Amino acid sequence: MSDTGNSIEISVLETGKLPHGAFPPNGRTFFHRPTGRACDGRLVIDFLAEALGLPFLPPYYRYKNGTSDKFESGVNFAVGGAGALNSSFPGIYNPNTNVSLVDEVNSFIQFLNLRTDFKQLLRNSLIVMGEIGGNDYSHAFKQGKSIEDVRNFVLPIVDSITSSINELIELGAVTFLVPGNFPVGCFASYLTLFQGSDKDQYDPLTGCLTWLNQFSQNHNQLLRKELEKIRNLHPDTNIVYADYYSTTLRIYNSPNKFGFKETLKACCGTGGLYNYNLSRACGYPPLRRCCNDPSSYMSWDGIHYTEAVNRLIANVVFEELMNSIHSLNNLCPASTINKLRMIYPKSEM
């Protein structure tokens, strides 16, 4: 959801192959070429960078051996497919990558250790932690784990997220944006995996699987509870929870209001009820075609959202950031903030 290109280097290193995000039609809407983003265009993190007057965040693993000036305005450590739990955690096998949140945080710390001003850098930085954890659950469900089994992963996943935050706080970080999980019961990937479920398991308004959305809510409730504990332990920190669940569910509930004609079916896929195939990801040959108008679809590839949805999510998050963290106004010139409030007006969501 947040990888701006790291998966290209990691995938080649681990498998000798390019990931599906490195192939068309990924990137067609905005960049007009694949960039490693699993999307037709910009991600939430891209819109937030624009809203703060920053360039798009460069992927760390692509430039880590190059000049550090690439990272003067920010850097991205997210790797597509990575989980919150490391590869040695029992019960979940990650077929996409060996990289986990622990590895991403360690890379960040290695990056900081190369700078003499890292304390000031951390103090003046906004650190976005995720969304992370969704891949862990997805891998477990796809590998046949029951809902009871997968529930046992929620606590260690949330613990991995909060432990990473605490580790960075000890190093001097003070400002965090921590997204929750999405309503995954609306994802084409899950709807395809559990296709044929009893009718009463679907929300009659949205067509989403209610039990999966309840699972996401349980994850989010525990995450919010643990974040509040961190706030109490470190009252000088700014930790903003990004409610991805409620934001996107409002779109599913009223798609016409936001300009969407298709909510559950993927824009890029191979056909079927939800235009999704568990073994053929968007971008891998010959999967290089997609719907004519991605902006009318919510789902890009059955797992990730289209740029149109990412923009709406980012508008809500940006508004929350500006209301919650007044220091952001100090980090960005007033002229930039005023200009960007015109580009990203108060959300109607």
Protein backbone atom coordinates (compact mmCIF):
# COMPACT_ATOMS: atom_id res chain seq x y z
CA MET A 1 0.00 0.00 0.00
CA SER A 2 2.95 2.35 0.58
CA ASP A 3 5.82 0.92 -1.50
CA THR A 4 7.10 3.46 -4.03
CA GLY A 5 9.55 1.05 -5.66
CA ASN A 6 11.50 -0.87 -3.03
CA SER A 7 9.96 -4.18 -4.08
CA ILE A 8 11.74 -3.99 -7.45
CA GLU A 9 15.19 -4.20 -5.86
CA ILE A 10 14.14 -6.64 -3.14
CA SER A 11 12.39 -9.00 -5.56
CA VAL A 12 15.33 -9.10 -7.95
CA LEU A 13 17.68 -9.71 -5.02
CA GLU A 14 15.55 -12.51 -3.54
CA THR A 15 14.20 -14.23 -6.66
CA GLY A 16 15.97 -12.78 -9.67
CA LYS A 17 12.57 -11.65 -11.01
CA LEU A 18 10.76 -8.34 -11.20
CA PRO A 19 7.55 -7.96 -9.15
CA HIS A 20 4.20 -7.42 -10.83
CA GLY A 21 4.27 -3.72 -9.90
CA ALA A 22 7.17 -3.29 -12.33
CA PHE A 23 4.94 -4.08 -15.33
CA PRO A 24 2.12 -2.26 -17.13
CA PRO A 25 -0.66 -1.33 -16.66
CA ASN A 26 0.60 -0.28 -13.20
CA GLY A 27 1.29 3.44 -13.20
CA ARG A 28 -0.86 4.21 -16.25
CA THR A 29 -2.96 7.04 -14.75
CA PHE A 30 -0.33 9.43 -13.36
CA PHE A 31 3.23 8.28 -14.03
CA HIS A 32 2.34 6.71 -17.40
CA ARG A 33 4.81 3.93 -16.68
CA PRO A 34 5.34 1.31 -13.96
CA THR A 35 7.24 2.58 -10.92
CA GLY A 36 6.92 -0.37 -8.56
CA ARG A 37 3.72 1.01 -7.05
CA ALA A 38 0.86 -1.51 -7.04
CA CYS A 39 -1.58 1.08 -8.34
CA ASP A 40 -2.64 2.89 -11.49
CA GLY A 41 -1.13 6.08 -10.08
CA ARG A 42 -0.30 7.72 -6.79
CA LEU A 43 -0.51 6.15 -3.34
CA VAL A 44 -1.74 7.74 -0.12
CA ILE A 45 1.88 8.42 0.84
CA ASP A 46 2.40 10.26 -2.47
CA PHE A 47 -0.57 12.53 -1.91
CA LEU A 48 0.58 13.26 1.64
CA ALA A 49 4.04 14.20 0.37
CA GLU A 50 2.45 16.57 -2.16
CA ALA A 51 0.18 18.02 0.54
CA LEU A 52 3.22 18.78 2.72
CA GLY A 53 5.08 20.40 -0.15
CA LEU A 54 7.57 17.53 -0.49
CA PRO A 55 8.72 15.50 -3.49
CA PHE A 56 7.60 11.90 -3.81
CA LEU A 57 9.52 9.72 -1.36
CA PRO A 58 12.36 7.82 -3.04
CA PRO A 59 12.59 4.08 -2.30
CA TYR A 60 15.51 3.49 0.05
CA TYR A 61 16.64 0.15 -1.38
CA ARG A 62 16.96 1.62 -4.87
CA TYR A 63 19.32 4.40 -3.84
CA LYS A 64 20.93 3.25 -0.58
CA ASN A 65 24.34 2.86 -2.24
CA GLY A 66 24.09 6.22 -3.96
CA THR A 67 24.31 9.82 -2.79
CA SER A 68 22.39 10.77 0.33
CA ASP A 69 20.94 13.90 -1.26
CA LYS A 70 18.17 11.69 -2.65
CA PHE A 71 16.85 11.43 0.90
CA GLU A 72 17.05 15.05 2.05
CA SER A 73 13.25 15.52 1.90
CA GLY A 74 12.23 12.02 2.96
CA VAL A 75 12.75 8.34 2.30
CA ASN A 76 10.53 5.27 1.95
CA PHE A 77 11.39 1.90 3.53
CA ALA A 78 8.11 0.11 2.75
CA VAL A 79 8.43 -3.11 0.75
CA GLY A 80 5.40 -4.45 -1.09
CA GLY A 81 4.24 -7.75 0.38
CA ALA A 82 6.16 -7.33 3.63
CA GLY A 83 4.49 -8.33 6.88
CA ALA A 84 4.61 -7.10 10.44
CA LEU A 85 5.90 -10.51 11.56
CA ASN A 86 9.31 -11.80 10.55
CA SER A 87 9.79 -14.85 8.37
CA SER A 88 10.64 -17.09 11.32
CA PHE A 89 7.29 -16.49 13.03
CA PRO A 90 5.48 -19.86 13.24
CA GLY A 91 2.23 -20.35 11.36
CA ILE A 92 2.63 -17.85 8.51
CA TYR A 93 4.65 -18.26 5.35
CA ASN A 94 5.22 -15.13 3.27
CA PRO A 95 5.65 -16.17 -0.38
CA ASN A 96 6.40 -12.63 -1.55
CA THR A 97 9.43 -11.52 0.44
CA ASN A 98 11.59 -12.26 3.48
CA VAL A 99 11.44 -8.60 4.48
CA SER A 100 9.36 -7.72 7.55
CA LEU A 101 8.65 -4.59 9.57
CA VAL A 102 11.67 -5.38 11.76
CA ASP A 103 13.91 -5.36 8.67
CA GLU A 104 12.43 -2.10 7.44
CA VAL A 105 12.98 -0.43 10.83
CA ASN A 106 16.53 -1.80 10.99
CA SER A 107 17.23 -0.32 7.55
CA PHE A 108 15.89 3.00 8.81
CA ILE A 109 18.19 2.86 11.84
CA GLN A 110 21.17 2.02 9.60
CA PHE A 111 20.27 5.05 7.51
CA LEU A 112 20.10 7.24 10.65
CA ASN A 113 23.47 6.00 11.88
CA LEU A 114 25.11 7.46 8.78
CA ARG A 115 23.96 10.95 9.75
CA THR A 116 25.46 13.12 12.46
CA ASP A 117 22.20 15.08 12.76
CA PHE A 118 19.87 12.10 13.16
CA LYS A 119 18.42 13.34 16.47
CA GLN A 120 17.31 16.59 14.88
CA LEU A 121 16.17 14.72 11.78
CA LEU A 122 13.93 12.45 13.85
CA ARG A 123 12.59 15.35 15.87
CA ASN A 124 11.56 17.19 12.70
CA SER A 125 10.19 14.21 10.79
CA LEU A 126 6.77 12.66 10.29
CA ILE A 127 7.09 8.88 10.45
CA VAL A 128 4.37 6.86 8.73
CA MET A 129 4.05 3.33 10.13
CA GLY A 130 2.13 1.30 7.57
CA GLU A 131 -0.51 0.28 6.83
CA ILE A 132 1.15 -2.95 7.99
CA GLY A 133 -0.25 -6.29 9.11
CA GLY A 134 -2.68 -6.80 6.27
CA ASN A 135 -0.22 -9.00 4.39
CA ASP A 136 0.24 -11.28 7.39
CA TYR A 137 -3.48 -11.92 7.62
CA SER A 138 -3.82 -12.33 3.85
CA HIS A 139 -1.06 -14.95 3.67
CA ALA A 140 -2.58 -16.87 6.59
CA PHE A 141 -6.07 -16.96 5.10
CA LYS A 142 -4.78 -17.93 1.66
CA GLN A 143 -2.81 -20.77 3.25
CA GLY A 144 -6.03 -22.19 4.68
CA LYS A 145 -5.85 -20.94 8.25
CA SER A 146 -9.19 -20.69 10.04
CA ILE A 147 -10.49 -17.42 11.45
CA GLU A 148 -9.76 -18.78 14.93
CA ASP A 149 -6.13 -19.42 13.96
CA VAL A 150 -5.70 -16.02 12.34
CA ARG A 151 -7.11 -14.25 15.39
CA ASN A 152 -4.09 -15.56 17.29
CA PHE A 153 -1.84 -13.45 15.05
CA VAL A 154 -3.52 -10.12 15.90
CA LEU A 155 -1.76 -9.56 19.23
CA PRO A 156 1.80 -10.30 17.93
CA ILE A 157 1.16 -8.17 14.82
CA VAL A 158 0.01 -5.19 16.88
CA ASP A 159 2.90 -5.80 19.27
CA SER A 160 5.36 -5.67 16.35
CA ILE A 161 3.92 -2.31 15.26
CA THR A 162 3.97 -0.75 18.71
CA SER A 163 7.41 -2.16 19.55
CA SER A 164 8.77 -0.51 16.40
CA ILE A 165 7.21 2.79 17.41
CA ASN A 166 8.69 2.55 20.90
CA GLU A 167 12.11 1.76 19.46
CA LEU A 168 12.01 4.87 17.29
CA ILE A 169 10.76 7.01 20.18
CA GLU A 170 13.80 5.92 22.18
CA LEU A 171 15.98 7.17 19.33
CA GLY A 172 14.26 10.56 19.33
CA ALA A 173 11.23 10.34 17.03
CA VAL A 174 8.18 12.29 18.21
CA THR A 175 5.65 12.46 15.37
CA PHE A 176 3.91 9.39 13.95
CA LEU A 177 1.06 8.58 11.61
CA VAL A 178 -0.21 5.04 12.24
CA PRO A 179 -2.87 3.73 9.83
CA GLY A 180 -5.27 0.97 10.80
CA ASN A 181 -6.41 -1.92 8.65
CA PHE A 182 -8.87 -1.57 5.77
CA PRO A 183 -12.30 -3.23 5.53
CA VAL A 184 -10.74 -6.28 3.87
CA GLY A 185 -14.10 -7.98 3.54
CA CYS A 186 -14.62 -5.66 0.57
CA PHE A 187 -11.38 -6.70 -1.20
CA ALA A 188 -11.77 -8.69 -4.42
CA SER A 189 -8.99 -11.00 -3.27
CA TYR A 190 -10.92 -12.07 -0.16
CA LEU A 191 -14.28 -12.10 -1.92
CA THR A 192 -12.79 -14.48 -4.48
CA LEU A 193 -11.08 -16.63 -1.86
CA PHE A 194 -14.34 -17.05 0.07
CA GLN A 195 -16.67 -16.93 -2.94
CA GLY A 196 -19.77 -19.03 -2.37
CA SER A 197 -20.12 -18.11 1.30
CA ASP A 198 -23.64 -18.15 2.76
CA LYS A 199 -25.74 -15.18 1.72
CA ASP A 200 -26.13 -13.96 5.30
CA GLN A 201 -22.33 -13.46 5.54
CA TYR A 202 -22.48 -10.55 3.06
CA ASP A 203 -23.50 -7.00 3.88
CA PRO A 204 -26.68 -6.39 1.83
CA LEU A 205 -25.71 -2.77 1.12
CA THR A 206 -22.06 -3.15 0.13
CA GLY A 207 -21.68 -6.82 -0.79
CA CYS A 208 -18.69 -7.09 1.56
CA LEU A 209 -18.05 -10.05 3.84
CA THR A 210 -19.15 -8.84 7.27
CA TRP A 211 -17.09 -11.31 9.32
CA LEU A 212 -13.88 -10.21 7.62
CA ASN A 213 -14.69 -6.56 8.21
CA GLN A 214 -15.35 -7.36 11.86
CA PHE A 215 -11.93 -9.01 11.96
CA SER A 216 -10.34 -5.79 10.65
CA GLN A 217 -12.21 -3.80 13.29
CA ASN A 218 -10.86 -6.07 16.01
CA HIS A 219 -7.30 -5.45 14.77
CA ASN A 220 -7.92 -1.71 14.72
CA GLN A 221 -9.45 -1.63 18.19
CA LEU A 222 -6.45 -3.38 19.70
CA LEU A 223 -4.04 -1.15 17.77
CA ARG A 224 -5.77 2.01 18.99
CA LYS A 225 -5.73 0.71 22.57
CA GLU A 226 -1.98 0.04 22.40
CA LEU A 227 -1.27 3.42 20.78
CA GLU A 228 -3.06 5.11 23.67
CA LYS A 229 -0.72 3.32 26.08
CA ILE A 230 2.27 4.73 24.17
CA ARG A 231 0.79 8.25 24.34
CA ASN A 232 0.41 7.90 28.09
CA LEU A 233 3.99 6.68 28.49
CA HIS A 234 5.38 9.37 26.16
CA PRO A 235 3.15 12.45 26.50
CA ASP A 236 5.52 14.56 24.40
CA THR A 237 4.95 12.42 21.30
CA ASN A 238 2.37 13.08 18.59
CA ILE A 239 0.75 9.84 17.47
CA VAL A 240 -2.08 10.21 14.97
CA TYR A 241 -4.18 7.16 14.18
CA ALA A 242 -5.33 7.12 10.54
CA ASP A 243 -8.76 5.51 10.37
CA TYR A 244 -8.47 3.88 6.96
CA TYR A 245 -11.34 1.55 7.83
CA SER A 246 -14.04 4.16 8.42
CA THR A 247 -12.81 6.38 5.61
CA THR A 248 -13.03 3.70 2.93
CA LEU A 249 -16.20 2.14 4.33
CA ARG A 250 -17.98 5.47 3.79
CA ILE A 251 -17.08 5.17 0.11
CA TYR A 252 -18.35 1.59 -0.08
CA ASN A 253 -21.61 2.72 1.53
CA SER A 254 -22.15 5.64 -0.88
CA PRO A 255 -20.02 5.03 -4.00
CA ASN A 256 -22.09 7.26 -6.30
CA LYS A 257 -21.51 10.21 -4.00
CA PHE A 258 -17.78 9.90 -4.63
CA GLY A 259 -17.96 9.09 -8.33
CA PHE A 260 -17.42 5.32 -8.27
CA LYS A 261 -19.36 2.90 -10.46
CA GLU A 262 -17.58 -0.30 -9.39
CA THR A 263 -16.70 -0.99 -5.76
CA LEU A 264 -15.83 -4.70 -5.47
CA LYS A 265 -14.59 -5.80 -8.89
CA ALA A 266 -10.90 -5.16 -9.67
CA CYS A 267 -10.00 -2.83 -12.52
CA CYS A 268 -7.00 -4.96 -13.51
CA GLY A 269 -7.67 -8.70 -13.51
CA THR A 270 -8.48 -11.86 -15.42
CA GLY A 271 -12.25 -12.07 -15.25
CA GLY A 272 -14.68 -13.81 -12.97
CA LEU A 273 -17.20 -12.32 -10.58
CA TYR A 274 -14.64 -9.98 -8.98
CA ASN A 275 -12.11 -9.88 -11.84
CA TYR A 276 -9.44 -11.41 -9.64
CA ASN A 277 -7.32 -14.54 -9.84
CA LEU A 278 -5.36 -15.73 -6.80
CA SER A 279 -2.45 -16.94 -8.95
CA ARG A 280 -2.24 -14.21 -11.61
CA ALA A 281 -1.48 -10.72 -10.32
CA CYS A 282 -2.05 -7.53 -12.28
CA GLY A 283 1.02 -6.72 -14.35
CA TYR A 284 2.38 -10.20 -14.89
CA PRO A 285 2.21 -11.15 -18.60
CA PRO A 286 -0.27 -11.41 -20.14
CA LEU A 287 -2.16 -9.42 -17.48
CA ARG A 288 -1.32 -6.01 -18.93
CA ARG A 289 -4.80 -4.72 -19.67
CA CYS A 290 -7.29 -3.13 -17.33
CA CYS A 291 -10.60 -1.28 -17.26
CA ASN A 292 -10.96 1.81 -19.42
CA ASP A 293 -11.52 4.22 -16.53
CA PRO A 294 -9.68 3.32 -13.31
CA SER A 295 -11.08 6.43 -11.61
CA SER A 296 -14.55 4.84 -11.63
CA TYR A 297 -13.24 1.74 -9.81
CA MET A 298 -12.29 1.48 -6.16
CA SER A 299 -10.12 -1.63 -6.49
CA TRP A 300 -7.10 -1.53 -8.75
CA ASP A 301 -5.91 -5.14 -8.64
CA GLY A 302 -8.10 -6.83 -6.04
CA ILE A 303 -5.76 -5.97 -3.17
CA HIS A 304 -4.78 -2.32 -3.64
CA TYR A 305 -6.90 0.76 -4.28
CA THR A 306 -6.95 2.99 -7.34
CA GLU A 307 -5.40 6.45 -7.27
CA ALA A 308 -8.92 7.90 -7.04
CA VAL A 309 -9.52 6.16 -3.69
CA ASN A 310 -6.01 6.95 -2.44
CA ARG A 311 -6.65 10.64 -3.06
CA LEU A 312 -9.81 10.58 -0.93
CA ILE A 313 -8.05 8.72 1.88
CA ALA A 314 -5.14 11.15 1.77
CA ASN A 315 -7.46 14.17 1.95
CA VAL A 316 -8.96 12.85 5.18
CA VAL A 317 -5.57 11.95 6.66
CA PHE A 318 -4.05 15.31 5.74
CA GLU A 319 -6.90 17.13 7.44
CA GLU A 320 -6.45 14.99 10.56
CA LEU A 321 -2.70 15.64 10.57
CA MET A 322 -3.15 19.41 10.33
CA ASN A 323 -5.74 19.39 13.11
CA SER A 324 -3.74 17.11 15.42
CA ILE A 325 -0.13 18.11 14.90
CA HIS A 326 0.28 21.88 14.93
CA SER A 327 4.05 21.55 14.57
CA LEU A 328 3.52 20.53 10.94
CA ASN A 329 2.62 24.13 10.27
CA ASN A 330 6.09 25.06 11.55
CA LEU A 331 7.84 22.46 9.40
CA CYS A 332 6.16 23.70 6.22
CA PRO A 333 6.15 27.35 5.07
CA ALA A 334 2.83 29.12 5.70
CA SER A 335 2.52 29.95 2.00
CA THR A 336 2.84 26.25 1.18
CA ILE A 337 0.20 25.22 3.73
CA ASN A 338 -2.26 27.91 2.58
CA LYS A 339 -1.75 26.93 -1.04
CA LEU A 340 -2.17 23.24 -0.24
CA ARG A 341 -5.34 23.86 1.75
CA MET A 342 -6.78 25.13 -1.52
CA ILE A 343 -5.59 22.04 -3.41
CA TYR A 344 -6.64 19.67 -0.60
CA PRO A 345 -9.76 21.37 0.78
CA LYS A 346 -11.57 20.23 3.90
CA SER A 347 -12.77 16.72 3.26
CA GLU A 348 -16.48 16.07 2.77
CA MET A 349 -16.02 12.53 4.02
